[in-house]
N, C-alpha and C. Protein backbone atom coordinates (compact mmCIF):
# COMPACT_ATOMS: atom_id res chain seq x y z
N MET A 1 177.57 79.34 187.73
CA MET A 1 176.63 77.94 187.61
C MET A 1 175.79 78.93 186.39
N SER A 2 175.03 79.96 186.89
CA SER A 2 173.68 80.47 186.41
C SER A 2 173.86 80.99 185.38
N GLU A 3 175.41 81.26 184.88
CA GLU A 3 175.86 81.88 184.03
C GLU A 3 176.17 80.19 182.80
N LEU A 4 176.36 79.21 183.22
CA LEU A 4 176.64 77.91 182.70
C LEU A 4 175.35 77.13 182.41
N ALA A 5 174.79 77.21 183.02
CA ALA A 5 173.19 77.50 182.42
C ALA A 5 172.90 77.59 181.38
N GLU A 6 172.47 79.24 181.13
CA GLU A 6 172.59 79.69 180.40
C GLU A 6 173.02 80.09 178.76
N ASN A 7 174.16 79.70 179.17
CA ASN A 7 174.68 79.42 178.11
C ASN A 7 174.63 77.86 177.69
N TYR A 8 174.10 76.66 178.00
CA TYR A 8 173.46 75.41 177.94
C TYR A 8 172.58 75.96 177.25
N LYS A 9 171.46 76.79 177.59
CA LYS A 9 169.95 76.69 176.57
C LYS A 9 170.85 77.19 175.54
N TYR A 10 171.72 78.61 175.43
CA TYR A 10 171.84 79.11 174.19
C TYR A 10 172.35 77.99 172.97
N GLY A 11 172.73 77.41 173.79
CA GLY A 11 173.90 76.83 172.58
C GLY A 11 172.90 75.34 171.85
N ASN A 12 171.85 74.71 173.11
CA ASN A 12 171.02 73.98 173.07
C ASN A 12 169.97 74.56 171.67
N LYS A 13 169.54 75.92 172.25
CA LYS A 13 168.68 76.84 171.19
C LYS A 13 168.96 76.99 169.56
N VAL A 14 170.49 76.98 169.94
CA VAL A 14 171.47 77.23 168.89
C VAL A 14 171.33 75.69 168.04
N SER A 15 171.34 75.25 168.34
CA SER A 15 171.49 73.40 168.02
C SER A 15 169.98 73.26 166.96
N GLN A 16 169.53 73.35 167.96
CA GLN A 16 167.95 73.36 167.46
C GLN A 16 167.76 73.88 166.16
N GLU A 17 168.18 74.99 166.55
CA GLU A 17 167.89 76.21 165.28
C GLU A 17 169.03 75.45 164.36
N ILE A 18 170.09 75.23 164.48
CA ILE A 18 170.60 74.17 162.95
C ILE A 18 169.93 73.52 162.67
N LYS A 19 169.48 72.96 163.39
CA LYS A 19 168.76 71.39 162.90
C LYS A 19 167.46 72.18 161.97
N ARG A 20 167.31 72.89 162.32
CA ARG A 20 165.34 73.91 161.92
C ARG A 20 166.07 74.03 160.43
N LEU A 21 167.41 74.65 160.24
CA LEU A 21 167.68 75.63 159.25
C LEU A 21 167.87 74.15 158.05
N ARG A 22 168.77 73.30 159.03
CA ARG A 22 169.04 71.81 158.07
C ARG A 22 168.21 70.81 157.55
N GLU A 23 167.07 70.67 158.19
CA GLU A 23 165.91 69.76 157.40
C GLU A 23 164.72 70.83 156.45
N GLN A 24 165.00 72.39 156.64
CA GLN A 24 164.61 73.36 155.99
C GLN A 24 165.62 73.02 154.25
N ALA A 25 166.70 73.61 154.77
CA ALA A 25 167.51 73.84 153.58
C ALA A 25 167.48 72.09 153.01
N SER A 26 167.30 70.54 153.56
CA SER A 26 166.92 69.72 152.96
C SER A 26 165.35 69.57 151.76
N VAL A 27 164.84 69.99 152.86
CA VAL A 27 163.19 69.74 151.93
C VAL A 27 163.37 70.81 150.50
N LEU A 28 164.30 72.08 150.78
CA LEU A 28 164.15 72.72 149.57
C LEU A 28 164.63 72.29 148.94
N ALA A 29 166.42 71.28 148.83
CA ALA A 29 166.96 70.21 147.65
C ALA A 29 165.97 69.40 147.21
N THR A 30 165.29 69.25 147.95
CA THR A 30 164.54 67.78 147.25
C THR A 30 163.43 68.66 146.58
N GLU A 31 162.63 69.64 146.95
CA GLU A 31 161.52 70.56 146.16
C GLU A 31 162.34 71.19 145.09
N LYS A 32 163.68 71.22 145.01
CA LYS A 32 164.54 72.09 144.10
C LYS A 32 165.08 70.44 143.11
N LEU A 33 165.03 69.34 143.73
CA LEU A 33 165.21 68.48 142.39
C LEU A 33 164.26 68.24 142.02
N SER A 34 163.00 68.05 142.54
CA SER A 34 161.42 67.86 142.28
C SER A 34 161.04 68.51 140.94
N ALA A 35 161.40 69.97 141.38
CA ALA A 35 161.16 71.20 140.46
C ALA A 35 161.88 70.40 138.84
N GLU A 36 163.38 70.69 139.35
CA GLU A 36 164.34 70.14 138.01
C GLU A 36 164.06 68.80 137.86
N LYS A 37 163.14 68.12 138.03
CA LYS A 37 162.81 66.88 137.07
C LYS A 37 161.10 67.12 136.74
N SER A 38 161.25 67.71 137.22
CA SER A 38 159.35 68.05 136.43
C SER A 38 159.86 68.76 135.12
N TYR A 39 160.11 69.71 135.07
CA TYR A 39 160.79 70.92 134.10
C TYR A 39 161.62 69.90 132.92
N ALA A 40 162.42 69.13 133.62
CA ALA A 40 163.50 68.04 132.22
C ALA A 40 162.27 67.50 131.44
N GLN A 41 161.11 66.85 132.23
CA GLN A 41 159.86 66.11 132.01
C GLN A 41 159.46 66.80 130.99
N GLN A 42 159.20 68.04 131.41
CA GLN A 42 158.26 68.75 130.74
C GLN A 42 158.83 69.04 129.28
N LEU A 43 160.22 69.34 129.20
CA LEU A 43 161.37 70.07 128.37
C LEU A 43 161.42 68.96 127.41
N ALA A 44 161.21 67.84 128.16
CA ALA A 44 161.55 66.47 126.97
C ALA A 44 160.15 66.48 126.43
N HIS A 45 159.29 66.56 126.66
CA HIS A 45 157.58 66.32 126.54
C HIS A 45 157.81 67.19 125.13
N LEU A 46 158.09 68.18 125.99
CA LEU A 46 157.91 69.94 124.85
C LEU A 46 158.63 68.96 123.57
N ARG A 47 159.93 68.84 123.85
CA ARG A 47 161.01 68.33 122.52
C ARG A 47 160.01 67.37 121.82
N GLU A 48 159.85 66.23 122.45
CA GLU A 48 159.28 65.12 121.70
C GLU A 48 157.76 65.83 121.12
N SER A 49 157.25 66.55 121.45
CA SER A 49 155.65 67.42 120.78
C SER A 49 156.08 67.88 119.81
N ALA A 50 157.37 68.99 119.84
CA ALA A 50 157.68 69.46 118.73
C ALA A 50 158.62 68.56 117.65
N ASP A 51 159.21 68.10 117.71
CA ASP A 51 159.27 66.36 116.74
C ASP A 51 158.18 65.97 115.85
N GLY A 52 157.27 65.83 116.99
CA GLY A 52 156.12 65.05 116.45
C GLY A 52 155.56 65.81 115.27
N HIS A 53 155.41 67.06 115.95
CA HIS A 53 154.96 68.45 115.01
C HIS A 53 155.48 69.02 113.55
N LEU A 54 156.73 68.70 113.84
CA LEU A 54 157.85 68.72 112.99
C LEU A 54 157.82 67.33 111.80
N SER A 55 157.28 66.35 112.66
CA SER A 55 157.48 64.89 111.46
C SER A 55 156.07 65.39 110.95
N ALA A 56 155.37 65.51 111.79
CA ALA A 56 153.62 65.71 111.40
C ALA A 56 153.53 66.60 109.79
N GLN A 57 154.23 68.08 109.78
CA GLN A 57 154.49 68.86 109.24
C GLN A 57 155.00 68.53 107.81
N ILE A 58 156.19 67.74 108.21
CA ILE A 58 157.16 67.49 107.09
C ILE A 58 156.95 66.47 106.10
N ALA A 59 156.01 65.25 106.61
CA ALA A 59 155.35 64.53 106.18
C ALA A 59 153.74 65.00 105.32
N ALA A 60 153.16 66.08 105.93
CA ALA A 60 151.93 66.80 105.32
C ALA A 60 152.45 67.41 103.95
N GLU A 61 153.81 67.90 104.04
CA GLU A 61 154.11 68.41 102.88
C GLU A 61 154.49 67.52 101.35
N GLU A 62 155.48 66.19 102.58
CA GLU A 62 155.28 65.48 100.95
C GLU A 62 154.42 64.98 101.04
N LYS A 63 153.49 64.70 101.81
CA LYS A 63 152.12 64.11 101.08
C LYS A 63 151.26 65.50 100.00
N LEU A 64 151.61 66.93 100.24
CA LEU A 64 150.82 68.14 99.90
C LEU A 64 151.72 67.63 98.10
N SER A 65 153.18 67.59 98.48
CA SER A 65 153.80 67.55 96.99
C SER A 65 153.39 66.41 96.29
N THR A 66 153.09 64.86 96.91
CA THR A 66 152.69 64.19 96.10
C THR A 66 151.42 64.32 95.25
N ALA A 67 150.55 65.09 96.18
CA ALA A 67 149.31 65.42 95.41
C ALA A 67 149.15 66.19 94.54
N GLU A 68 149.71 67.35 94.35
CA GLU A 68 150.23 68.33 93.92
C GLU A 68 150.92 67.66 92.09
N GLU A 69 151.70 66.66 92.49
CA GLU A 69 152.77 66.01 91.61
C GLU A 69 151.46 65.17 90.59
N GLU A 70 150.37 64.40 91.40
CA GLU A 70 149.92 63.53 90.71
C GLU A 70 148.50 64.55 89.66
N VAL A 71 148.44 65.61 90.95
CA VAL A 71 147.00 66.32 89.70
C VAL A 71 148.33 67.05 88.64
N ARG A 72 149.39 67.40 88.69
CA ARG A 72 149.81 67.99 87.38
C ARG A 72 149.81 66.94 86.02
N LEU A 73 150.55 65.60 86.93
CA LEU A 73 150.47 64.42 84.88
C LEU A 73 149.26 64.43 84.96
N LEU A 74 147.84 63.84 85.84
CA LEU A 74 146.25 64.05 85.84
C LEU A 74 146.10 65.07 84.19
N LYS A 75 146.50 66.68 84.64
CA LYS A 75 146.31 67.66 83.32
C LYS A 75 146.73 67.25 82.29
N GLU A 76 148.25 66.77 82.71
CA GLU A 76 148.82 66.77 81.33
C GLU A 76 148.04 65.40 80.58
N GLN A 77 147.39 64.60 81.44
CA GLN A 77 147.17 63.78 80.70
C GLN A 77 145.72 63.94 80.03
N LEU A 78 145.32 64.93 80.71
CA LEU A 78 144.01 65.25 80.06
C LEU A 78 143.44 66.21 79.08
N SER A 79 145.31 67.34 79.29
CA SER A 79 145.32 68.01 77.98
C SER A 79 146.13 67.28 76.79
N ALA A 80 146.20 66.06 76.53
CA ALA A 80 146.95 64.98 75.86
C ALA A 80 145.74 64.78 75.45
N SER A 81 144.84 63.54 75.87
CA SER A 81 143.18 63.47 75.74
C SER A 81 142.88 64.42 74.89
N GLN A 82 142.73 65.48 74.98
CA GLN A 82 141.55 66.49 74.71
C GLN A 82 142.55 67.00 73.56
N GLU A 83 143.58 67.19 73.18
CA GLU A 83 144.73 67.44 71.96
C GLU A 83 143.89 66.23 70.98
N SER A 84 143.79 64.54 71.36
CA SER A 84 144.54 63.68 70.60
C SER A 84 142.65 63.45 70.34
N LEU A 85 141.30 64.03 71.29
CA LEU A 85 140.17 64.06 70.66
C LEU A 85 140.04 65.13 70.27
N ALA A 86 140.64 66.19 70.15
CA ALA A 86 140.39 67.33 69.06
C ALA A 86 140.50 66.86 67.39
N ALA A 87 141.86 66.23 67.44
CA ALA A 87 142.75 66.45 66.49
C ALA A 87 141.64 64.94 65.78
N ARG A 88 141.33 63.85 65.82
CA ARG A 88 140.67 62.97 65.61
C ARG A 88 139.10 63.68 65.39
N LEU A 89 138.79 64.79 66.32
CA LEU A 89 137.56 65.16 65.49
C LEU A 89 137.76 65.88 64.30
N GLU A 90 138.87 66.72 64.46
CA GLU A 90 138.97 67.43 63.20
C GLU A 90 139.45 66.88 61.65
N ALA A 91 139.87 65.53 62.28
CA ALA A 91 140.10 64.81 60.69
C ALA A 91 138.50 63.74 60.40
N VAL A 92 137.91 63.50 61.53
CA VAL A 92 136.58 62.84 60.75
C VAL A 92 135.70 64.42 60.13
N LEU A 93 135.70 65.39 60.90
CA LEU A 93 134.92 66.21 60.34
C LEU A 93 135.41 66.75 59.02
N GLU A 94 136.78 66.52 58.72
CA GLU A 94 137.23 67.04 57.40
C GLU A 94 137.06 65.98 56.75
N ALA A 95 137.32 64.85 56.87
CA ALA A 95 136.92 63.79 56.27
C ALA A 95 135.55 63.46 55.95
N GLU A 96 134.34 64.10 56.63
CA GLU A 96 133.11 64.40 56.63
C GLU A 96 132.94 65.19 55.47
N ALA A 97 133.50 66.80 56.04
CA ALA A 97 133.35 68.14 54.93
C ALA A 97 133.94 67.12 53.03
N VAL A 98 134.89 66.69 53.07
CA VAL A 98 135.45 66.34 51.87
C VAL A 98 134.35 64.69 51.08
N ASP A 99 133.95 64.68 52.21
CA ASP A 99 132.64 63.06 51.73
C ASP A 99 132.17 63.92 51.04
N ARG A 100 131.18 64.79 51.86
CA ARG A 100 130.07 65.86 51.95
C ARG A 100 130.21 66.58 50.48
N PHE A 101 131.63 67.09 49.60
CA PHE A 101 131.80 67.62 49.15
C PHE A 101 132.09 66.83 47.69
N LYS A 102 132.70 65.78 48.22
CA LYS A 102 132.55 64.39 46.63
C LYS A 102 131.59 64.50 46.10
N ARG A 103 130.22 64.33 46.84
CA ARG A 103 128.83 64.36 46.96
C ARG A 103 127.96 64.96 46.22
N SER A 104 128.62 66.26 46.23
CA SER A 104 127.75 67.48 46.13
C SER A 104 128.31 67.71 44.70
N PRO A 105 127.37 68.42 44.11
CA PRO A 105 127.20 68.86 42.44
C PRO A 105 128.11 69.76 42.05
N ALA A 106 129.01 70.39 43.48
CA ALA A 106 130.39 71.37 42.95
C ALA A 106 130.66 70.75 42.60
N TYR A 107 131.45 69.54 43.07
CA TYR A 107 132.69 68.60 43.04
C TYR A 107 132.39 68.13 41.19
N ASP A 108 130.83 67.78 41.60
CA ASP A 108 131.30 67.25 39.66
C ASP A 108 131.12 67.93 38.89
N ALA A 109 131.03 69.88 39.35
CA ALA A 109 131.57 70.53 38.29
C ALA A 109 132.82 70.87 38.19
N LEU A 110 133.79 70.25 39.56
CA LEU A 110 135.23 70.80 39.31
C LEU A 110 135.56 69.73 38.52
N LEU A 111 135.22 68.45 38.57
CA LEU A 111 135.77 67.50 38.06
C LEU A 111 135.75 67.81 36.34
N LEU A 112 134.37 68.38 35.90
CA LEU A 112 134.04 68.83 34.81
C LEU A 112 135.12 69.56 33.90
N ARG A 113 135.22 70.71 34.85
CA ARG A 113 135.95 71.92 34.88
C ARG A 113 137.72 71.02 34.55
N GLU A 114 137.61 70.12 35.26
CA GLU A 114 139.33 69.89 34.96
C GLU A 114 139.50 68.94 34.22
N PHE A 115 138.71 68.47 33.63
CA PHE A 115 138.27 67.08 32.42
C PHE A 115 138.77 68.14 30.97
N GLU A 116 138.01 69.43 30.99
CA GLU A 116 137.88 69.76 30.02
C GLU A 116 139.01 70.98 29.85
N ARG A 117 139.21 70.91 31.18
CA ARG A 117 140.89 71.87 30.88
C ARG A 117 141.56 70.97 30.32
N GLY A 118 142.29 69.52 30.85
CA GLY A 118 142.72 68.41 30.11
C GLY A 118 142.82 68.24 28.81
N MET A 119 141.38 68.41 28.36
CA MET A 119 141.33 68.09 27.09
C MET A 119 141.89 69.22 26.09
N ARG A 120 141.55 70.78 26.68
CA ARG A 120 142.16 71.61 25.73
C ARG A 120 143.52 71.73 26.14
N GLN A 121 144.22 71.22 27.10
CA GLN A 121 145.66 71.22 26.56
C GLN A 121 146.23 70.45 25.94
N SER A 122 145.51 69.40 26.23
CA SER A 122 145.90 68.00 24.74
C SER A 122 146.19 68.46 23.61
N LYS A 123 144.81 69.33 23.50
CA LYS A 123 144.64 69.43 21.96
C LYS A 123 145.20 70.61 21.83
N LYS A 124 145.88 71.41 22.01
CA LYS A 124 147.01 72.97 22.77
C LYS A 124 148.14 71.69 22.29
N PHE A 125 148.65 70.75 22.86
CA PHE A 125 149.61 69.98 22.80
C PHE A 125 150.09 69.29 21.53
N PHE A 126 148.43 68.25 21.02
CA PHE A 126 148.83 68.26 19.96
C PHE A 126 148.67 68.79 18.65
N ALA A 127 148.42 70.36 18.79
CA ALA A 127 148.25 70.70 17.64
C ALA A 127 149.68 71.62 17.60
N MET A 128 150.05 71.65 18.91
CA MET A 128 152.12 72.27 18.69
C MET A 128 152.45 71.14 17.90
N LYS A 129 152.11 69.92 18.47
CA LYS A 129 153.31 69.12 17.93
C LYS A 129 153.25 68.97 16.40
N ASP A 130 151.83 68.85 15.96
CA ASP A 130 151.98 68.26 14.50
C ASP A 130 152.49 69.69 13.91
N HIS A 131 152.13 71.04 14.19
CA HIS A 131 153.19 72.13 13.97
C HIS A 131 154.02 71.67 14.02
N SER A 132 154.86 71.54 14.49
CA SER A 132 156.31 71.28 15.13
C SER A 132 157.31 70.53 13.53
N ASN A 133 155.74 69.83 13.83
CA ASN A 133 156.67 68.09 12.49
C ASN A 133 156.66 68.77 11.25
N GLU A 134 155.47 69.37 10.48
CA GLU A 134 155.54 70.09 9.73
C GLU A 134 156.15 70.80 9.08
N LYS A 135 156.59 72.04 10.41
CA LYS A 135 157.72 72.98 10.09
C LYS A 135 158.96 72.30 10.21
N ALA A 136 159.07 71.26 11.23
CA ALA A 136 160.86 70.22 10.47
C ALA A 136 160.56 69.52 9.64
N LEU A 137 159.57 69.31 8.81
CA LEU A 137 159.85 68.33 7.39
C LEU A 137 160.25 69.93 6.59
N ARG A 138 159.36 70.25 6.84
CA ARG A 138 159.60 71.28 5.80
C ARG A 138 161.38 71.78 5.78
N ARG A 139 161.41 71.70 7.12
CA ARG A 139 163.20 72.50 6.96
C ARG A 139 163.91 71.15 6.48
N PHE A 140 163.45 70.10 6.64
CA PHE A 140 164.19 69.19 6.40
C PHE A 140 164.12 68.68 4.46
N ASP A 141 163.07 69.31 4.52
CA ASP A 141 162.77 68.96 2.90
C ASP A 141 163.38 70.39 2.34
N SER A 142 163.78 71.48 2.68
CA SER A 142 164.93 72.40 1.85
C SER A 142 166.17 72.82 1.83
N PHE A 143 166.41 71.21 3.53
CA PHE A 143 167.88 71.50 3.21
C PHE A 143 168.57 69.89 2.30
N PHE A 144 167.72 68.83 2.36
CA PHE A 144 168.58 67.81 1.97
C PHE A 144 167.22 67.09 0.17
N GLY A 145 166.54 67.85 0.38
CA GLY A 145 165.86 68.21 -0.95
C GLY A 145 164.91 67.28 -0.56
N SER A 146 163.25 67.10 -1.48
CA SER A 146 161.96 66.26 -1.45
C SER A 146 162.46 65.16 -2.11
N GLY A 147 161.71 64.14 -1.29
CA GLY A 147 161.62 62.82 -0.86
C GLY A 147 162.32 62.36 -0.45
N ALA A 148 163.61 63.13 0.21
CA ALA A 148 164.07 62.33 1.52
C ALA A 148 163.00 62.04 3.27
N GLU A 149 163.36 61.19 3.03
CA GLU A 149 162.14 60.73 4.65
C GLU A 149 163.38 60.19 5.86
N PRO A 150 162.86 60.92 7.06
CA PRO A 150 164.28 60.75 8.37
C PRO A 150 164.03 58.85 8.51
N ASP A 151 165.01 58.53 8.82
CA ASP A 151 165.60 56.90 9.35
C ASP A 151 165.58 56.98 10.89
N LEU A 152 164.27 56.49 11.33
CA LEU A 152 164.89 56.90 13.24
C LEU A 152 165.06 55.23 13.67
N GLY A 153 165.15 54.49 12.76
CA GLY A 153 165.62 52.58 13.22
C GLY A 153 164.42 52.04 14.23
N PRO A 154 164.07 50.96 14.15
CA PRO A 154 163.54 50.30 14.76
C PRO A 154 164.02 50.48 16.42
N VAL A 155 164.15 50.53 16.93
CA VAL A 155 165.01 50.17 18.54
C VAL A 155 163.84 51.76 19.16
N ALA A 156 163.33 51.40 20.07
CA ALA A 156 162.52 52.14 20.74
C ALA A 156 163.43 53.06 22.04
N GLY A 157 163.13 54.32 21.61
CA GLY A 157 163.79 55.34 22.35
C GLY A 157 165.56 55.78 22.42
N ARG A 158 165.80 55.03 21.24
CA ARG A 158 167.26 55.61 20.25
C ARG A 158 166.90 56.38 18.86
N ILE A 159 167.85 57.13 18.72
CA ILE A 159 168.15 58.11 17.64
C ILE A 159 168.76 57.63 16.91
N MET A 160 168.57 56.64 15.64
CA MET A 160 169.28 56.01 15.20
C MET A 160 170.06 57.05 13.79
N GLY A 161 169.10 57.74 13.15
CA GLY A 161 169.76 58.88 12.61
C GLY A 161 168.09 59.25 11.15
N LEU A 162 168.43 60.25 10.48
CA LEU A 162 167.88 60.87 9.16
C LEU A 162 168.36 60.57 8.01
N SER A 163 167.76 59.19 7.45
CA SER A 163 168.40 58.21 6.26
C SER A 163 169.85 58.02 6.73
N CYS A 164 170.63 57.92 6.25
CA CYS A 164 172.30 57.12 5.74
C CYS A 164 173.20 58.22 6.75
N GLN A 165 172.84 59.31 6.26
CA GLN A 165 173.57 60.56 5.84
C GLN A 165 173.49 60.93 7.72
N MET A 166 172.20 60.64 8.70
CA MET A 166 172.02 61.05 9.75
C MET A 166 172.09 60.33 11.01
N ARG A 167 173.30 59.38 11.21
CA ARG A 167 173.34 58.17 12.12
C ARG A 167 173.48 58.95 13.22
N THR A 168 173.52 58.60 14.16
CA THR A 168 174.07 59.29 15.71
C THR A 168 175.05 59.83 15.52
N LYS A 169 176.18 59.07 15.36
CA LYS A 169 177.71 59.27 15.38
C LYS A 169 177.89 61.21 14.58
N LYS A 170 177.29 60.68 13.36
CA LYS A 170 177.44 61.76 12.88
C LYS A 170 176.36 62.95 12.52
N LEU A 171 175.73 62.89 13.80
CA LEU A 171 174.56 63.65 13.83
C LEU A 171 175.27 64.98 13.98
N PRO A 172 176.39 64.59 15.43
CA PRO A 172 176.78 66.48 15.61
C PRO A 172 177.45 67.20 14.20
N GLY A 173 178.28 66.25 13.23
CA GLY A 173 179.37 66.93 12.30
C GLY A 173 177.98 67.57 11.71
N LEU A 174 176.88 66.61 11.19
CA LEU A 174 176.17 67.61 10.04
C LEU A 174 175.17 68.99 10.71
N LEU A 175 174.80 68.95 11.21
CA LEU A 175 174.10 69.86 12.45
C LEU A 175 175.69 71.53 11.91
N LYS A 176 176.75 71.06 12.37
CA LYS A 176 177.66 72.08 11.76
C LYS A 176 177.51 72.38 10.74
N ARG A 177 177.18 71.24 9.78
CA ARG A 177 177.12 71.96 8.55
C ARG A 177 176.02 72.74 7.86
N ILE A 178 175.00 72.93 9.16
CA ILE A 178 173.74 73.36 8.67
C ILE A 178 173.84 74.92 9.25
N LYS A 179 174.41 76.39 8.39
CA LYS A 179 174.35 77.62 8.91
C LYS A 179 173.50 77.66 9.53
N ASP A 180 172.04 77.40 9.22
CA ASP A 180 170.88 77.76 9.84
C ASP A 180 170.42 77.70 11.14
N GLU A 181 170.43 78.18 11.98
CA GLU A 181 170.42 77.61 13.40
C GLU A 181 168.96 76.86 13.62
N GLU A 182 168.21 77.90 12.77
CA GLU A 182 166.71 77.24 13.29
C GLU A 182 166.55 76.43 12.56
N THR A 183 166.86 75.98 11.29
CA THR A 183 166.39 74.76 10.58
C THR A 183 167.44 73.70 11.70
N ALA A 184 168.67 73.86 12.54
CA ALA A 184 168.99 72.88 13.02
C ALA A 184 168.26 72.19 14.43
N MET A 185 167.51 73.87 15.07
CA MET A 185 167.05 73.48 15.90
C MET A 185 165.61 72.42 15.46
N ALA A 186 165.16 72.81 14.26
CA ALA A 186 164.08 72.10 13.92
C ALA A 186 164.44 70.91 13.69
N LEU A 187 165.37 70.76 12.92
CA LEU A 187 165.86 69.22 12.71
C LEU A 187 166.13 68.32 14.48
N LEU A 188 166.45 69.17 15.25
CA LEU A 188 166.49 67.95 16.38
C LEU A 188 165.32 67.99 17.39
N GLN A 189 164.48 68.79 17.31
CA GLN A 189 163.10 68.86 17.45
C GLN A 189 162.27 67.64 16.77
N LEU A 190 162.52 67.37 15.56
CA LEU A 190 161.46 66.22 14.94
C LEU A 190 162.40 64.96 15.09
N VAL A 191 163.81 65.02 15.67
CA VAL A 191 164.19 64.04 16.31
C VAL A 191 163.69 63.36 17.43
N GLU A 192 163.72 64.45 17.85
CA GLU A 192 163.17 64.47 19.79
C GLU A 192 161.75 63.50 19.73
N ILE A 193 160.70 64.33 18.49
CA ILE A 193 159.51 64.19 18.92
C ILE A 193 159.64 62.90 18.36
N GLN A 194 159.87 62.01 17.28
CA GLN A 194 160.08 61.16 16.50
C GLN A 194 160.58 59.62 17.60
N ALA A 195 161.06 60.39 18.23
CA ALA A 195 161.90 59.19 19.70
C ALA A 195 160.47 59.31 20.61
N LEU A 196 160.25 60.13 20.61
CA LEU A 196 159.09 60.29 21.98
C LEU A 196 157.92 59.26 21.40
N GLU A 197 157.89 59.20 20.14
CA GLU A 197 157.00 58.87 20.00
C GLU A 197 156.79 57.09 19.18
N ILE A 198 158.41 57.27 19.44
CA ILE A 198 158.49 55.09 19.30
C ILE A 198 158.64 54.77 20.49
N VAL A 199 158.54 55.65 21.50
CA VAL A 199 158.61 55.25 23.49
C VAL A 199 157.07 54.62 23.71
């Protein structure tokens, strides 16, 4: 009888211990679930924070790139404006320098020198032309005889001949008859000079 009571007490004690352990396990499971939920929430928050930080960083980099591009364009515009301004300033300074030079005594002296040089060249040209005319006429007289005159015709710019024997169509044959090359060249030069005077 006493042994049965002892067994009952032991069984009751074991049951209570099992119940306590089950309750403790339930509490631990609840705490574990709560901890896992809290960890999941914290992890989600960290991920959202990381995503937000990454998005903010990407947006900042895009803004920085846009700002750098705007700065580059502004620098190019500034450089182009400076070059244009420098070119206009150079043109203005050059025009002013030319204007000052044209109003200076040096410009008057330059014009005078050019005028004198042109006059000397003109005198030299006409002197050479007169000399060539005289030389060609002497050759003409020596070949055709004194008193013959070259007939150049009335049409401007055309060589009509040296009298009736020197028409344009007969000029090559006439030149072949002239054995003296210097005489032939002088006659051709005379024709060219007279033709230019007609023009």
